[in-house]
Full PDB file with SEQRES, HELIX, SHEET, SSBOND, CRYST1, ORIGX, SCALE, CONECT and MASTER records, all heavy atoms in Angstrom:
SEQRES   1 A   31  PHE GLY SER SER GLY GLY PHE GLY THR SER PRO ALA TYR          
SEQRES   2 A   31  HIS ALA ALA LYS GLY ALA VAL ARG THR LEU THR LYS ASN          
SEQRES   3 A   31  ILE ALA LEU HIS TRP                                          
HELIX    1 AA1 PRO A   11  HIS A   30  1                                  20    
CRYST1    1.000    1.000    1.000  90.00  90.00  90.00 P 1           1          
ORIGX1      1.000000  0.000000  0.000000        0.00000                         
ORIGX2      0.000000  1.000000  0.000000        0.00000                         
ORIGX3      0.000000  0.000000  1.000000        0.00000                         
SCALE1      1.000000  0.000000  0.000000        0.00000                         
SCALE2      0.000000  1.000000  0.000000        0.00000                         
SCALE3      0.000000  0.000000  1.000000        0.00000                         
ATOM      1  N   PHE A   1       2.128 -21.150  15.138  1.00  0.00           N  
ATOM      2  CA  PHE A   1       1.929 -21.716  13.809  1.00  0.00           C  
ATOM      3  C   PHE A   1       2.332 -20.747  12.702  1.00  0.00           C  
ATOM      4  O   PHE A   1       2.232 -21.071  11.521  1.00  0.00           O  
ATOM      5  CB  PHE A   1       0.474 -22.150  13.625  1.00  0.00           C  
ATOM      6  CG  PHE A   1       0.081 -23.344  14.455  1.00  0.00           C  
ATOM      7  CD1 PHE A   1      -1.244 -23.645  14.683  1.00  0.00           C  
ATOM      8  CD2 PHE A   1       1.052 -24.173  15.017  1.00  0.00           C  
ATOM      9  CE1 PHE A   1      -1.606 -24.749  15.438  1.00  0.00           C  
ATOM     10  CE2 PHE A   1       0.697 -25.277  15.785  1.00  0.00           C  
ATOM     11  CZ  PHE A   1      -0.638 -25.565  15.992  1.00  0.00           C  
ATOM     12  N   GLY A   2       2.794 -19.562  13.074  1.00  0.00           N  
ATOM     13  CA  GLY A   2       3.398 -18.661  12.096  1.00  0.00           C  
ATOM     14  C   GLY A   2       4.841 -19.001  11.816  1.00  0.00           C  
ATOM     15  O   GLY A   2       5.457 -18.441  10.900  1.00  0.00           O  
ATOM     16  N   SER A   3       5.379 -19.948  12.599  1.00  0.00           N  
ATOM     17  CA  SER A   3       6.787 -20.342  12.449  1.00  0.00           C  
ATOM     18  C   SER A   3       6.973 -21.845  12.377  1.00  0.00           C  
ATOM     19  O   SER A   3       8.098 -22.322  12.286  1.00  0.00           O  
ATOM     20  CB  SER A   3       7.605 -19.809  13.632  1.00  0.00           C  
ATOM     21  OG  SER A   3       7.531 -18.411  13.724  1.00  0.00           O  
ATOM     22  N   SER A   4       5.878 -22.590  12.441  1.00  0.00           N  
ATOM     23  CA  SER A   4       5.976 -24.049  12.381  1.00  0.00           C  
ATOM     24  C   SER A   4       4.829 -24.593  11.540  1.00  0.00           C  
ATOM     25  O   SER A   4       3.868 -23.881  11.243  1.00  0.00           O  
ATOM     26  CB  SER A   4       5.911 -24.657  13.789  1.00  0.00           C  
ATOM     27  OG  SER A   4       4.592 -24.571  14.309  1.00  0.00           O  
ATOM     28  N   GLY A   5       4.922 -25.857  11.180  1.00  0.00           N  
ATOM     29  CA  GLY A   5       3.874 -26.476  10.363  1.00  0.00           C  
ATOM     30  C   GLY A   5       2.724 -27.021  11.161  1.00  0.00           C  
ATOM     31  O   GLY A   5       1.765 -27.547  10.577  1.00  0.00           O  
ATOM     32  N   GLY A   6       2.815 -26.891  12.500  1.00  0.00           N  
ATOM     33  CA  GLY A   6       1.717 -27.333  13.352  1.00  0.00           C  
ATOM     34  C   GLY A   6       1.375 -28.793  13.157  1.00  0.00           C  
ATOM     35  O   GLY A   6       2.237 -29.667  13.233  1.00  0.00           O  
ATOM     36  N   PHE A   7       0.104 -29.068  12.861  1.00  0.00           N  
ATOM     37  CA  PHE A   7      -0.370 -30.443  12.692  1.00  0.00           C  
ATOM     38  C   PHE A   7      -0.612 -30.791  11.231  1.00  0.00           C  
ATOM     39  O   PHE A   7      -1.206 -31.815  10.921  1.00  0.00           O  
ATOM     40  CB  PHE A   7      -1.656 -30.652  13.498  1.00  0.00           C  
ATOM     41  CG  PHE A   7      -1.496 -30.366  14.968  1.00  0.00           C  
ATOM     42  CD1 PHE A   7      -2.243 -29.370  15.575  1.00  0.00           C  
ATOM     43  CD2 PHE A   7      -0.587 -31.074  15.733  1.00  0.00           C  
ATOM     44  CE1 PHE A   7      -2.099 -29.091  16.928  1.00  0.00           C  
ATOM     45  CE2 PHE A   7      -0.434 -30.819  17.082  1.00  0.00           C  
ATOM     46  CZ  PHE A   7      -1.187 -29.819  17.688  1.00  0.00           C  
ATOM     47  N   GLY A   8      -0.175 -29.907  10.312  1.00  0.00           N  
ATOM     48  CA  GLY A   8      -0.359 -30.166   8.895  1.00  0.00           C  
ATOM     49  C   GLY A   8      -1.724 -29.764   8.364  1.00  0.00           C  
ATOM     50  O   GLY A   8      -2.030 -29.990   7.195  1.00  0.00           O  
ATOM     51  N   THR A   9      -2.547 -29.167   9.216  1.00  0.00           N  
ATOM     52  CA  THR A   9      -3.855 -28.669   8.790  1.00  0.00           C  
ATOM     53  C   THR A   9      -3.832 -27.139   8.842  1.00  0.00           C  
ATOM     54  O   THR A   9      -2.811 -26.529   9.103  1.00  0.00           O  
ATOM     55  CB  THR A   9      -4.965 -29.210   9.709  1.00  0.00           C  
ATOM     56  OG1 THR A   9      -4.655 -28.866  11.075  1.00  0.00           O  
ATOM     57  CG2 THR A   9      -5.069 -30.728   9.588  1.00  0.00           C  
ATOM     58  N   SER A  10      -4.978 -26.523   8.590  1.00  0.00           N  
ATOM     59  CA  SER A  10      -5.132 -25.062   8.691  1.00  0.00           C  
ATOM     60  C   SER A  10      -4.139 -24.300   7.820  1.00  0.00           C  
ATOM     61  O   SER A  10      -3.419 -23.420   8.297  1.00  0.00           O  
ATOM     62  CB  SER A  10      -4.974 -24.624  10.158  1.00  0.00           C  
ATOM     63  OG  SER A  10      -5.753 -25.392  11.028  1.00  0.00           O  
ATOM     64  N   PRO A  11      -4.069 -24.581   6.522  1.00  0.00           N  
ATOM     65  CA  PRO A  11      -3.050 -23.942   5.687  1.00  0.00           C  
ATOM     66  C   PRO A  11      -3.189 -22.428   5.603  1.00  0.00           C  
ATOM     67  O   PRO A  11      -2.178 -21.716   5.596  1.00  0.00           O  
ATOM     68  CB  PRO A  11      -3.255 -24.594   4.311  1.00  0.00           C  
ATOM     69  CG  PRO A  11      -4.666 -25.103   4.329  1.00  0.00           C  
ATOM     70  CD  PRO A  11      -4.912 -25.523   5.738  1.00  0.00           C  
ATOM     71  N   ALA A  12      -4.403 -21.908   5.546  1.00  0.00           N  
ATOM     72  CA  ALA A  12      -4.578 -20.457   5.445  1.00  0.00           C  
ATOM     73  C   ALA A  12      -4.130 -19.770   6.729  1.00  0.00           C  
ATOM     74  O   ALA A  12      -3.500 -18.707   6.692  1.00  0.00           O  
ATOM     75  CB  ALA A  12      -6.032 -20.113   5.131  1.00  0.00           C  
ATOM     76  N   TYR A  13      -4.444 -20.359   7.865  1.00  0.00           N  
ATOM     77  CA  TYR A  13      -4.041 -19.789   9.156  1.00  0.00           C  
ATOM     78  C   TYR A  13      -2.523 -19.734   9.271  1.00  0.00           C  
ATOM     79  O   TYR A  13      -1.947 -18.712   9.653  1.00  0.00           O  
ATOM     80  CB  TYR A  13      -4.634 -20.620  10.293  1.00  0.00           C  
ATOM     81  CG  TYR A  13      -4.343 -20.078  11.671  1.00  0.00           C  
ATOM     82  CD1 TYR A  13      -5.085 -19.014  12.181  1.00  0.00           C  
ATOM     83  CD2 TYR A  13      -3.353 -20.639  12.472  1.00  0.00           C  
ATOM     84  CE1 TYR A  13      -4.836 -18.514  13.452  1.00  0.00           C  
ATOM     85  CE2 TYR A  13      -3.090 -20.158  13.739  1.00  0.00           C  
ATOM     86  CZ  TYR A  13      -3.841 -19.087  14.232  1.00  0.00           C  
ATOM     87  OH  TYR A  13      -3.582 -18.597  15.495  1.00  0.00           O  
ATOM     88  N   HIS A  14      -1.858 -20.831   8.909  1.00  0.00           N  
ATOM     89  CA  HIS A  14      -0.398 -20.860   8.962  1.00  0.00           C  
ATOM     90  C   HIS A  14       0.208 -19.835   8.009  1.00  0.00           C  
ATOM     91  O   HIS A  14       1.156 -19.125   8.364  1.00  0.00           O  
ATOM     92  CB  HIS A  14       0.121 -22.258   8.618  1.00  0.00           C  
ATOM     93  CG  HIS A  14      -0.047 -23.258   9.717  1.00  0.00           C  
ATOM     94  ND1 HIS A  14      -1.280 -23.759  10.072  1.00  0.00           N  
ATOM     95  CD2 HIS A  14       0.861 -23.856  10.529  1.00  0.00           C  
ATOM     96  CE1 HIS A  14      -1.121 -24.624  11.059  1.00  0.00           C  
ATOM     97  NE2 HIS A  14       0.161 -24.691  11.359  1.00  0.00           N  
ATOM     98  N   ALA A  15      -0.337 -19.763   6.810  1.00  0.00           N  
ATOM     99  CA  ALA A  15       0.184 -18.817   5.824  1.00  0.00           C  
ATOM    100  C   ALA A  15       0.019 -17.378   6.314  1.00  0.00           C  
ATOM    101  O   ALA A  15       0.927 -16.548   6.197  1.00  0.00           O  
ATOM    102  CB  ALA A  15      -0.523 -19.005   4.487  1.00  0.00           C  
ATOM    103  N   ALA A  16      -1.153 -17.071   6.862  1.00  0.00           N  
ATOM    104  CA  ALA A  16      -1.423 -15.710   7.330  1.00  0.00           C  
ATOM    105  C   ALA A  16      -0.544 -15.350   8.515  1.00  0.00           C  
ATOM    106  O   ALA A  16       0.043 -14.253   8.562  1.00  0.00           O  
ATOM    107  CB  ALA A  16      -2.898 -15.570   7.704  1.00  0.00           C  
ATOM    108  N   LYS A  17      -0.431 -16.240   9.485  1.00  0.00           N  
ATOM    109  CA  LYS A  17       0.363 -15.932  10.669  1.00  0.00           C  
ATOM    110  C   LYS A  17       1.855 -15.873  10.337  1.00  0.00           C  
ATOM    111  O   LYS A  17       2.605 -15.096  10.946  1.00  0.00           O  
ATOM    112  CB  LYS A  17       0.091 -16.961  11.765  1.00  0.00           C  
ATOM    113  CG  LYS A  17      -1.319 -16.893  12.335  1.00  0.00           C  
ATOM    114  CD  LYS A  17      -1.631 -15.537  12.949  1.00  0.00           C  
ATOM    115  CE  LYS A  17      -2.970 -15.514  13.663  1.00  0.00           C  
ATOM    116  NZ  LYS A  17      -3.259 -14.206  14.291  1.00  0.00           N  
ATOM    117  N   GLY A  18       2.297 -16.668   9.362  1.00  0.00           N  
ATOM    118  CA  GLY A  18       3.677 -16.557   8.903  1.00  0.00           C  
ATOM    119  C   GLY A  18       3.924 -15.216   8.231  1.00  0.00           C  
ATOM    120  O   GLY A  18       4.980 -14.587   8.404  1.00  0.00           O  
ATOM    121  N   ALA A  19       2.941 -14.743   7.477  1.00  0.00           N  
ATOM    122  CA  ALA A  19       3.059 -13.437   6.833  1.00  0.00           C  
ATOM    123  C   ALA A  19       3.116 -12.321   7.868  1.00  0.00           C  
ATOM    124  O   ALA A  19       3.880 -11.360   7.723  1.00  0.00           O  
ATOM    125  CB  ALA A  19       1.889 -13.215   5.884  1.00  0.00           C  
ATOM    126  N   VAL A  20       2.322 -12.429   8.922  1.00  0.00           N  
ATOM    127  CA  VAL A  20       2.345 -11.425   9.991  1.00  0.00           C  
ATOM    128  C   VAL A  20       3.718 -11.378  10.646  1.00  0.00           C  
ATOM    129  O   VAL A  20       4.247 -10.298  10.949  1.00  0.00           O  
ATOM    130  CB  VAL A  20       1.244 -11.722  11.028  1.00  0.00           C  
ATOM    131  CG1 VAL A  20       1.423 -10.867  12.281  1.00  0.00           C  
ATOM    132  CG2 VAL A  20      -0.137 -11.478  10.423  1.00  0.00           C  
ATOM    133  N   ARG A  21       4.303 -12.534  10.856  1.00  0.00           N  
ATOM    134  CA  ARG A  21       5.648 -12.599  11.454  1.00  0.00           C  
ATOM    135  C   ARG A  21       6.656 -11.824  10.612  1.00  0.00           C  
ATOM    136  O   ARG A  21       7.432 -11.006  11.132  1.00  0.00           O  
ATOM    137  CB  ARG A  21       6.071 -14.061  11.572  1.00  0.00           C  
ATOM    138  CG  ARG A  21       7.531 -14.294  11.946  1.00  0.00           C  
ATOM    139  CD  ARG A  21       7.795 -15.790  12.046  1.00  0.00           C  
ATOM    140  NE  ARG A  21       9.193 -16.064  12.322  1.00  0.00           N  
ATOM    141  CZ  ARG A  21      10.100 -16.356  11.404  1.00  0.00           C  
ATOM    142  NH1 ARG A  21       9.751 -16.413  10.116  1.00  0.00           N  
ATOM    143  NH2 ARG A  21      11.345 -16.605  11.740  1.00  0.00           N  
ATOM    144  N   THR A  22       6.664 -12.041   9.303  1.00  0.00           N  
ATOM    145  CA  THR A  22       7.648 -11.390   8.440  1.00  0.00           C  
ATOM    146  C   THR A  22       7.305  -9.935   8.195  1.00  0.00           C  
ATOM    147  O   THR A  22       8.194  -9.069   8.140  1.00  0.00           O  
ATOM    148  CB  THR A  22       7.753 -12.151   7.108  1.00  0.00           C  
ATOM    149  OG1 THR A  22       7.985 -13.539   7.366  1.00  0.00           O  
ATOM    150  CG2 THR A  22       8.908 -11.615   6.286  1.00  0.00           C  
ATOM    151  N   LEU A  23       6.015  -9.619   8.039  1.00  0.00           N  
ATOM    152  CA  LEU A  23       5.599  -8.230   7.871  1.00  0.00           C  
ATOM    153  C   LEU A  23       6.040  -7.402   9.072  1.00  0.00           C  
ATOM    154  O   LEU A  23       6.480  -6.250   8.922  1.00  0.00           O  
ATOM    155  CB  LEU A  23       4.078  -8.157   7.710  1.00  0.00           C  
ATOM    156  CG  LEU A  23       3.478  -6.749   7.607  1.00  0.00           C  
ATOM    157  CD1 LEU A  23       3.960  -6.044   6.340  1.00  0.00           C  
ATOM    158  CD2 LEU A  23       1.951  -6.814   7.648  1.00  0.00           C  
ATOM    159  N   THR A  24       5.925  -7.966  10.250  1.00  0.00           N  
ATOM    160  CA  THR A  24       6.345  -7.263  11.467  1.00  0.00           C  
ATOM    161  C   THR A  24       7.803  -6.832  11.374  1.00  0.00           C  
ATOM    162  O   THR A  24       8.147  -5.678  11.677  1.00  0.00           O  
ATOM    163  CB  THR A  24       6.144  -8.172  12.689  1.00  0.00           C  
ATOM    164  OG1 THR A  24       4.740  -8.463  12.840  1.00  0.00           O  
ATOM    165  CG2 THR A  24       6.663  -7.514  13.961  1.00  0.00           C  
ATOM    166  N   LYS A  25       8.666  -7.737  10.962  1.00  0.00           N  
ATOM    167  CA  LYS A  25      10.089  -7.408  10.853  1.00  0.00           C  
ATOM    168  C   LYS A  25      10.324  -6.352   9.775  1.00  0.00           C  
ATOM    169  O   LYS A  25      11.159  -5.443   9.940  1.00  0.00           O  
ATOM    170  CB  LYS A  25      10.890  -8.676  10.548  1.00  0.00           C  
ATOM    171  CG  LYS A  25      10.827  -9.724  11.663  1.00  0.00           C  
ATOM    172  CD  LYS A  25      11.618 -10.956  11.282  1.00  0.00           C  
ATOM    173  CE  LYS A  25      11.456 -12.046  12.338  1.00  0.00           C  
ATOM    174  NZ  LYS A  25      11.937 -11.631  13.672  1.00  0.00           N  
ATOM    175  N   ASN A  26       9.601  -6.471   8.679  1.00  0.00           N  
ATOM    176  CA  ASN A  26       9.753  -5.525   7.584  1.00  0.00           C  
ATOM    177  C   ASN A  26       9.407  -4.106   8.024  1.00  0.00           C  
ATOM    178  O   ASN A  26      10.155  -3.143   7.761  1.00  0.00           O  
ATOM    179  CB  ASN A  26       8.869  -5.964   6.421  1.00  0.00           C  
ATOM    180  CG  ASN A  26       8.891  -4.998   5.252  1.00  0.00           C  
ATOM    181  OD1 ASN A  26       8.022  -4.143   5.153  1.00  0.00           O  
ATOM    182  ND2 ASN A  26       9.875  -5.118   4.380  1.00  0.00           N  
ATOM    183  N   ILE A  27       8.270  -3.948   8.713  1.00  0.00           N  
ATOM    184  CA  ILE A  27       7.848  -2.620   9.152  1.00  0.00           C  
ATOM    185  C   ILE A  27       8.732  -2.134  10.296  1.00  0.00           C  
ATOM    186  O   ILE A  27       8.993  -0.926  10.421  1.00  0.00           O  
ATOM    187  CB  ILE A  27       6.366  -2.611   9.563  1.00  0.00           C  
ATOM    188  CG1 ILE A  27       5.490  -3.164   8.427  1.00  0.00           C  
ATOM    189  CG2 ILE A  27       5.912  -1.204   9.920  1.00  0.00           C  
ATOM    190  CD1 ILE A  27       5.621  -2.414   7.120  1.00  0.00           C  
ATOM    191  N   ALA A  28       9.217  -3.043  11.132  1.00  0.00           N  
ATOM    192  CA  ALA A  28      10.133  -2.644  12.203  1.00  0.00           C  
ATOM    193  C   ALA A  28      11.376  -1.979  11.627  1.00  0.00           C  
ATOM    194  O   ALA A  28      11.857  -0.960  12.147  1.00  0.00           O  
ATOM    195  CB  ALA A  28      10.526  -3.858  13.042  1.00  0.00           C  
ATOM    196  N   LEU A  29      11.907  -2.523  10.547  1.00  0.00           N  
ATOM    197  CA  LEU A  29      13.077  -1.929   9.899  1.00  0.00           C  
ATOM    198  C   LEU A  29      12.720  -0.604   9.228  1.00  0.00           C  
ATOM    199  O   LEU A  29      13.462   0.381   9.316  1.00  0.00           O  
ATOM    200  CB  LEU A  29      13.656  -2.900   8.873  1.00  0.00           C  
ATOM    201  CG  LEU A  29      14.252  -4.190   9.437  1.00  0.00           C  
ATOM    202  CD1 LEU A  29      14.663  -5.117   8.304  1.00  0.00           C  
ATOM    203  CD2 LEU A  29      15.444  -3.901  10.344  1.00  0.00           C  
ATOM    204  N   HIS A  30      11.562  -0.571   8.579  1.00  0.00           N  
ATOM    205  CA  HIS A  30      11.132   0.628   7.859  1.00  0.00           C  
ATOM    206  C   HIS A  30      10.919   1.804   8.802  1.00  0.00           C  
ATOM    207  O   HIS A  30      11.208   2.962   8.444  1.00  0.00           O  
ATOM    208  CB  HIS A  30       9.847   0.310   7.101  1.00  0.00           C  
ATOM    209  CG  HIS A  30       9.340   1.418   6.246  1.00  0.00           C  
ATOM    210  ND1 HIS A  30      10.083   2.006   5.243  1.00  0.00           N  
ATOM    211  CD2 HIS A  30       8.129   2.064   6.244  1.00  0.00           C  
ATOM    212  CE1 HIS A  30       9.378   2.948   4.652  1.00  0.00           C  
ATOM    213  NE2 HIS A  30       8.189   3.011   5.242  1.00  0.00           N  
ATOM    214  N   TRP A  31      10.431   1.521  10.025  1.00  0.00           N  
ATOM    215  CA  TRP A  31      10.096   2.580  10.965  1.00  0.00           C  
ATOM    216  C   TRP A  31      11.130   2.766  12.072  1.00  0.00           C  
ATOM    217  O   TRP A  31      10.911   3.544  13.006  1.00  0.00           O  
ATOM    218  CB  TRP A  31       8.732   2.299  11.591  1.00  0.00           C  
ATOM    219  CG  TRP A  31       7.580   2.617  10.686  1.00  0.00           C  
ATOM    220  CD1 TRP A  31       7.616   3.244   9.471  1.00  0.00           C  
ATOM    221  CD2 TRP A  31       6.201   2.326  10.942  1.00  0.00           C  
ATOM    222  NE1 TRP A  31       6.361   3.357   8.952  1.00  0.00           N  
ATOM    223  CE2 TRP A  31       5.458   2.816   9.825  1.00  0.00           C  
ATOM    224  CE3 TRP A  31       5.521   1.720  11.983  1.00  0.00           C  
ATOM    225  CZ2 TRP A  31       4.077   2.686   9.740  1.00  0.00           C  
ATOM    226  CZ3 TRP A  31       4.139   1.597  11.910  1.00  0.00           C  
ATOM    227  CH2 TRP A  31       3.423   2.082  10.791  1.00  0.00           C  
TER     228      TRP A  31                                                      
MASTER        0    0    0    1    0    0    0    6  227    1    0    3          
END                                                                             
């Protein structure tokens, strides 16, 4: 649900897990 809209519920969970997905790539490049 960090990369899909799931069932259209749980907006905070989707937003947070999507942020984790992108943050991971950002720090991977930085380090």
